[in-house]
Amino acid sequence: MRQIEDILRECRTVAVVGLSPNPSRPSHRVAEYLQAQGYRIVPVNPMIDEVLGERSYPDLEAIPFHVELIDVFRRSEEVPPVAEQAIKVGAEALWLQLGVIHHEAAARAAEHGLDVVMDRCTAIEHRALVRHGKL
């Protein structure tokens, strides 16, 4: 399994599941930060058409190109179907944001070769790695 540093260095296309169009929501702030750092953000939210200048998709399977990292901003109980879709679309990593914990879904994703990070924030981790000169 790759370390967080490797995931953030190598996975440059990020599907943000549950990305909100509301700038005050954590999902929006994190996606905006990642986008500013050069990541391609792919919103996944069936309730919106576009956010941060990117087309939104209703689910991972609707995205017509490969996404490497699945960054999940959903309640913990909503993770299993997201993990299954991540496996199906051939994602490389499943990242569950702060407070999002689902051990069974994480184990299933890991069994299928995905790197899994749980209960951590991509933006916080990225900032720390930049601060320490690792990214």
C-alpha atoms as a PDB file:
ATOM      1  CA  MET A   1       0.000   0.000   0.000  1.00  0.00           C
ATOM      2  CA  ARG A   2       1.272   3.429  -0.958  1.00  0.00           C
ATOM      3  CA  GLN A   3       1.861   6.069   1.674  1.00  0.00           C
ATOM      4  CA  ILE A   4      -0.209   9.269   1.761  1.00  0.00           C
ATOM      5  CA  GLU A   5       2.707  11.169   0.235  1.00  0.00           C
ATOM      6  CA  ASP A   6       2.812   8.816  -2.753  1.00  0.00           C
ATOM      7  CA  ILE A   7      -0.953   8.927  -3.264  1.00  0.00           C
ATOM      8  CA  LEU A   8      -0.971  12.733  -3.296  1.00  0.00           C
ATOM      9  CA  ARG A   9       2.057  12.858  -5.584  1.00  0.00           C
ATOM     10  CA  GLU A  10       0.861  10.247  -8.104  1.00  0.00           C
ATOM     11  CA  CYS A  11      -2.942  10.560  -8.166  1.00  0.00           C
ATOM     12  CA  ARG A  12      -3.609  13.807 -10.008  1.00  0.00           C
ATOM     13  CA  THR A  13      -7.259  13.276 -11.030  1.00  0.00           C
ATOM     14  CA  VAL A  14      -9.541  13.397  -7.998  1.00  0.00           C
ATOM     15  CA  ALA A  15     -13.246  12.553  -7.981  1.00  0.00           C
ATOM     16  CA  VAL A  16     -14.761  14.416  -5.041  1.00  0.00           C
ATOM     17  CA  VAL A  17     -17.857  12.481  -3.991  1.00  0.00           C
ATOM     18  CA  GLY A  18     -20.324  14.774  -2.261  1.00  0.00           C
ATOM     19  CA  LEU A  19     -18.730  18.001  -3.490  1.00  0.00           C
ATOM     20  CA  SER A  20     -20.973  20.893  -2.455  1.00  0.00           C
ATOM     21  CA  PRO A  21     -21.410  24.090  -4.490  1.00  0.00           C
ATOM     22  CA  ASN A  22     -21.546  25.981  -1.159  1.00  0.00           C
ATOM     23  CA  PRO A  23     -18.140  27.657  -0.571  1.00  0.00           C
ATOM     24  CA  SER A  24     -18.554  27.369   3.209  1.00  0.00           C
ATOM     25  CA  ARG A  25     -18.752  23.552   3.113  1.00  0.00           C
ATOM     26  CA  PRO A  26     -15.570  21.544   3.785  1.00  0.00           C
ATOM     27  CA  SER A  27     -15.917  19.585   0.533  1.00  0.00           C
ATOM     28  CA  HIS A  28     -15.907  22.810  -1.477  1.00  0.00           C
ATOM     29  CA  ARG A  29     -12.954  24.305   0.381  1.00  0.00           C
ATOM     30  CA  VAL A  30     -10.875  21.130   0.077  1.00  0.00           C
ATOM     31  CA  ALA A  31     -11.668  20.685  -3.622  1.00  0.00           C
ATOM     32  CA  GLU A  32     -10.877  24.337  -4.301  1.00  0.00           C
ATOM     33  CA  TYR A  33      -7.549  23.954  -2.506  1.00  0.00           C
ATOM     34  CA  LEU A  34      -6.645  20.786  -4.420  1.00  0.00           C
ATOM     35  CA  GLN A  35      -7.621  22.427  -7.697  1.00  0.00           C
ATOM     36  CA  ALA A  36      -5.366  25.405  -6.871  1.00  0.00           C
ATOM     37  CA  GLN A  37      -2.532  22.904  -6.277  1.00  0.00           C
ATOM     38  CA  GLY A  38      -2.875  21.552  -9.813  1.00  0.00           C
ATOM     39  CA  TYR A  39      -5.138  18.546  -9.285  1.00  0.00           C
ATOM     40  CA  ARG A  40      -7.958  17.893 -11.727  1.00  0.00           C
ATOM     41  CA  ILE A  41     -11.132  17.928  -9.663  1.00  0.00           C
ATOM     42  CA  VAL A  42     -14.113  15.878 -10.816  1.00  0.00           C
ATOM     43  CA  PRO A  43     -17.281  16.720  -8.869  1.00  0.00           C
ATOM     44  CA  VAL A  44     -19.576  13.801  -8.060  1.00  0.00           C
ATOM     45  CA  ASN A  45     -22.957  15.070  -6.911  1.00  0.00           C
ATOM     46  CA  PRO A  46     -26.246  14.173  -8.641  1.00  0.00           C
ATOM     47  CA  MET A  47     -27.881  17.387  -7.402  1.00  0.00           C
ATOM     48  CA  ILE A  48     -25.679  19.833  -9.322  1.00  0.00           C
ATOM     49  CA  ASP A  49     -24.508  20.331 -12.907  1.00  0.00           C
ATOM     50  CA  GLU A  50     -21.235  22.127 -12.260  1.00  0.00           C
ATOM     51  CA  VAL A  51     -18.992  23.380  -9.484  1.00  0.00           C
ATOM     52  CA  LEU A  52     -15.541  25.007  -9.467  1.00  0.00           C
ATOM     53  CA  GLY A  53     -15.791  25.265 -13.248  1.00  0.00           C
ATOM     54  CA  GLU A  54     -16.047  21.482 -13.665  1.00  0.00           C
ATOM     55  CA  ARG A  55     -18.968  19.374 -14.833  1.00  0.00           C
ATOM     56  CA  SER A  56     -20.529  17.306 -12.063  1.00  0.00           C
ATOM     57  CA  TYR A  57     -21.404  13.642 -12.501  1.00  0.00           C
ATOM     58  CA  PRO A  58     -24.162  11.730 -10.675  1.00  0.00           C
ATOM     59  CA  ASP A  59     -21.837   8.871  -9.670  1.00  0.00           C
ATOM     60  CA  LEU A  60     -18.379   7.462 -10.364  1.00  0.00           C
ATOM     61  CA  GLU A  61     -19.572   5.190 -13.153  1.00  0.00           C
ATOM     62  CA  ALA A  62     -20.873   8.178 -15.149  1.00  0.00           C
ATOM     63  CA  ILE A  63     -17.404   9.754 -15.413  1.00  0.00           C
ATOM     64  CA  PRO A  64     -16.202   9.102 -18.991  1.00  0.00           C
ATOM     65  CA  PHE A  65     -12.477   9.095 -18.155  1.00  0.00           C
ATOM     66  CA  HIS A  66     -10.180   7.506 -15.597  1.00  0.00           C
ATOM     67  CA  VAL A  67     -10.045   8.968 -12.091  1.00  0.00           C
ATOM     68  CA  GLU A  68      -7.217   7.918  -9.831  1.00  0.00           C
ATOM     69  CA  LEU A  69      -8.296   9.096  -6.392  1.00  0.00           C
ATOM     70  CA  ILE A  70     -11.812   8.971  -4.931  1.00  0.00           C
ATOM     71  CA  ASP A  71     -12.129  11.583  -2.159  1.00  0.00           C
ATOM     72  CA  VAL A  72     -15.295  10.885  -0.156  1.00  0.00           C
ATOM     73  CA  PHE A  73     -17.318  13.559   1.653  1.00  0.00           C
ATOM     74  CA  ARG A  74     -20.343  11.414   2.550  1.00  0.00           C
ATOM     75  CA  ARG A  75     -21.689   9.980   5.772  1.00  0.00           C
ATOM     76  CA  SER A  76     -19.919   6.806   6.856  1.00  0.00           C
ATOM     77  CA  GLU A  77     -22.957   4.614   6.188  1.00  0.00           C
ATOM     78  CA  GLU A  78     -22.993   5.805   2.559  1.00  0.00           C
ATOM     79  CA  VAL A  79     -19.437   4.613   1.861  1.00  0.00           C
ATOM     80  CA  PRO A  80     -20.034   0.970   0.774  1.00  0.00           C
ATOM     81  CA  PRO A  81     -21.651   1.765  -2.612  1.00  0.00           C
ATOM     82  CA  VAL A  82     -18.983   4.405  -3.268  1.00  0.00           C
ATOM     83  CA  ALA A  83     -16.262   1.855  -2.518  1.00  0.00           C
ATOM     84  CA  GLU A  84     -17.920  -0.644  -4.872  1.00  0.00           C
ATOM     85  CA  GLN A  85     -18.036   1.950  -7.647  1.00  0.00           C
ATOM     86  CA  ALA A  86     -14.404   2.887  -6.982  1.00  0.00           C
ATOM     87  CA  ILE A  87     -13.477  -0.767  -7.457  1.00  0.00           C
ATOM     88  CA  LYS A  88     -15.609  -1.051 -10.603  1.00  0.00           C
ATOM     89  CA  VAL A  89     -14.117   2.032 -12.302  1.00  0.00           C
ATOM     90  CA  GLY A  90     -10.557   0.967 -11.528  1.00  0.00           C
ATOM     91  CA  ALA A  91      -9.632   3.816  -9.201  1.00  0.00           C
ATOM     92  CA  GLU A  92      -6.227   3.610  -7.574  1.00  0.00           C
ATOM     93  CA  ALA A  93      -7.117   4.999  -4.156  1.00  0.00           C
ATOM     94  CA  LEU A  94     -10.110   5.546  -1.897  1.00  0.00           C
ATOM     95  CA  TRP A  95      -9.786   8.417   0.562  1.00  0.00           C
ATOM     96  CA  LEU A  96     -12.382   8.846   3.322  1.00  0.00           C
ATOM     97  CA  GLN A  97     -12.375  12.336   4.750  1.00  0.00           C
ATOM     98  CA  LEU A  98     -12.212  13.361   8.417  1.00  0.00           C
ATOM     99  CA  GLY A  99     -14.964  11.650  10.359  1.00  0.00           C
ATOM    100  CA  VAL A 100     -15.767   9.233   7.536  1.00  0.00           C
ATOM    101  CA  ILE A 101     -15.049   5.732   8.780  1.00  0.00           C
ATOM    102  CA  HIS A 102     -16.202   2.424   7.338  1.00  0.00           C
ATOM    103  CA  HIS A 103     -13.816  -0.441   8.031  1.00  0.00           C
ATOM    104  CA  GLU A 104     -15.649  -3.064   5.948  1.00  0.00           C
ATOM    105  CA  ALA A 105     -15.811  -0.871   2.824  1.00  0.00           C
ATOM    106  CA  ALA A 106     -12.165   0.106   3.297  1.00  0.00           C
ATOM    107  CA  ALA A 107     -11.151  -3.550   3.610  1.00  0.00           C
ATOM    108  CA  ARG A 108     -13.120  -4.479   0.487  1.00  0.00           C
ATOM    109  CA  ALA A 109     -11.457  -1.691  -1.507  1.00  0.00           C
ATOM    110  CA  ALA A 110      -8.035  -2.739  -0.219  1.00  0.00           C
ATOM    111  CA  GLU A 111      -8.739  -6.373  -1.176  1.00  0.00           C
ATOM    112  CA  HIS A 112      -9.272  -5.147  -4.732  1.00  0.00           C
ATOM    113  CA  GLY A 113      -5.951  -3.325  -4.806  1.00  0.00           C
ATOM    114  CA  LEU A 114      -6.974   0.214  -3.920  1.00  0.00           C
ATOM    115  CA  ASP A 115      -4.879   2.223  -1.513  1.00  0.00           C
ATOM    116  CA  VAL A 116      -7.161   3.347   1.317  1.00  0.00           C
ATOM    117  CA  VAL A 117      -6.903   6.342   3.637  1.00  0.00           C
ATOM    118  CA  MET A 118      -9.582   6.810   6.277  1.00  0.00           C
ATOM    119  CA  ASP A 119     -10.508   9.666   8.610  1.00  0.00           C
ATOM    120  CA  ARG A 120      -7.929  12.069   7.169  1.00  0.00           C
ATOM    121  CA  CYS A 121      -8.234  15.274   5.123  1.00  0.00           C
ATOM    122  CA  THR A 122      -6.540  15.516   1.734  1.00  0.00           C
ATOM    123  CA  ALA A 123      -5.959  19.262   2.093  1.00  0.00           C
ATOM    124  CA  ILE A 124      -4.507  19.013   5.610  1.00  0.00           C
ATOM    125  CA  GLU A 125      -2.221  16.158   4.555  1.00  0.00           C
ATOM    126  CA  HIS A 126      -1.154  17.988   1.382  1.00  0.00           C
ATOM    127  CA  ARG A 127      -0.360  21.189   3.267  1.00  0.00           C
ATOM    128  CA  ALA A 128       1.717  19.281   5.827  1.00  0.00           C
ATOM    129  CA  LEU A 129       3.702  17.521   3.099  1.00  0.00           C
ATOM    130  CA  VAL A 130       4.332  20.822   1.287  1.00  0.00           C
ATOM    131  CA  ARG A 131       5.391  22.450   4.567  1.00  0.00           C
ATOM    132  CA  HIS A 132       7.911  19.649   5.119  1.00  0.00           C
ATOM    133  CA  GLY A 133       9.224  19.862   1.555  1.00  0.00           C
ATOM    134  CA  LYS A 134       7.901  16.447   0.540  1.00  0.00           C
ATOM    135  CA  LEU A 135       5.582  17.684  -2.227  1.00  0.00           C
END
